[in-house]
């Protein structure tokens, strides 16, 4: 099992955060802003941390809270 961030609307793990990086420190992330975007919903979203199986495919799978969802 592993923990990932997913969109609370559609369950997509393909979410991004705005971040500030320092190019002189191996692109170290300095700050993460509170905006998050979902590539599948095509806009700003909220995220939650969930636990998924180890072979969860980050490129194609969606998180479902239950098997019946």
Protein backbone atom coordinates (compact mmCIF):
# COMPACT_ATOMS: atom_id res chain seq x y z
CA UNK A 1 0.00 0.00 0.00
CA UNK A 2 1.09 3.59 -0.62
CA UNK A 3 -0.31 7.03 0.18
CA UNK A 4 -1.10 9.52 -2.59
CA UNK A 5 -3.02 12.77 -3.08
CA UNK A 6 -6.22 12.61 -5.16
CA UNK A 7 -8.86 15.06 -6.39
CA UNK A 8 -11.87 15.00 -4.06
CA UNK A 9 -14.25 15.46 -7.02
CA UNK A 10 -13.22 12.69 -9.42
CA UNK A 11 -10.58 10.62 -7.56
CA UNK A 12 -7.80 11.37 -10.04
CA UNK A 13 -4.21 11.19 -8.77
CA UNK A 14 -3.16 13.51 -11.60
CA UNK A 15 -3.14 16.66 -9.47
CA UNK A 16 -0.57 19.43 -9.33
CA UNK A 17 0.31 22.21 -6.88
CA UNK A 18 1.83 25.59 -7.62
CA UNK A 19 5.33 25.64 -6.11
CA UNK A 20 8.35 27.86 -5.84
CA UNK A 21 11.69 26.17 -6.51
CA UNK A 22 15.28 27.29 -5.97
CA UNK A 23 17.25 26.50 -9.16
CA UNK A 24 20.55 26.94 -7.33
CA UNK A 25 19.78 24.17 -4.83
CA UNK A 26 19.06 21.28 -7.22
CA UNK A 27 15.54 22.66 -7.81
CA UNK A 28 14.69 22.29 -4.13
CA UNK A 29 11.04 23.15 -3.44
CA UNK A 30 10.99 26.28 -1.28
CA UNK A 31 7.23 26.79 -0.93
CA UNK A 32 4.05 25.04 -2.04
CA UNK A 33 1.07 27.34 -2.54
CA UNK A 34 -2.48 26.32 -1.65
CA UNK A 35 -3.78 26.13 -5.22
CA UNK A 36 -4.18 22.63 -6.64
CA UNK A 37 -5.36 21.62 -10.09
CA UNK A 38 -6.75 18.36 -11.48
CA UNK A 39 -5.81 17.38 -15.03
CA UNK A 40 -8.97 15.25 -15.36
CA UNK A 41 -11.44 17.87 -14.02
CA UNK A 42 -9.46 20.49 -15.96
CA UNK A 43 -9.36 23.06 -13.19
CA UNK A 44 -8.79 23.97 -9.58
CA UNK A 45 -9.63 21.25 -7.07
CA UNK A 46 -9.35 20.12 -3.49
CA UNK A 47 -7.24 17.09 -2.62
CA UNK A 48 -7.11 14.44 0.07
CA UNK A 49 -4.50 11.87 1.01
CA UNK A 50 -5.63 8.28 0.50
CA UNK A 51 -4.05 4.84 0.63
CA UNK A 52 -4.00 2.74 -2.53
CA UNK A 53 -2.58 -0.62 -3.56
CA UNK A 54 1.09 -0.68 -4.55
CA UNK A 55 0.34 -1.37 -8.23
CA UNK A 56 -2.09 1.59 -8.53
CA UNK A 57 -1.44 3.14 -11.96
CA UNK A 58 -0.91 6.90 -11.55
CA UNK A 59 -1.43 7.48 -15.31
CA UNK A 60 -4.80 5.73 -15.74
CA UNK A 61 -6.43 4.73 -12.43
CA UNK A 62 -8.94 6.69 -10.34
CA UNK A 63 -9.37 6.31 -6.58
CA UNK A 64 -12.71 4.90 -5.51
CA UNK A 65 -13.64 4.93 -1.83
CA UNK A 66 -15.42 1.59 -2.07
CA UNK A 67 -15.48 -1.22 -4.58
CA UNK A 68 -19.15 -0.37 -5.32
CA UNK A 69 -18.51 3.32 -6.10
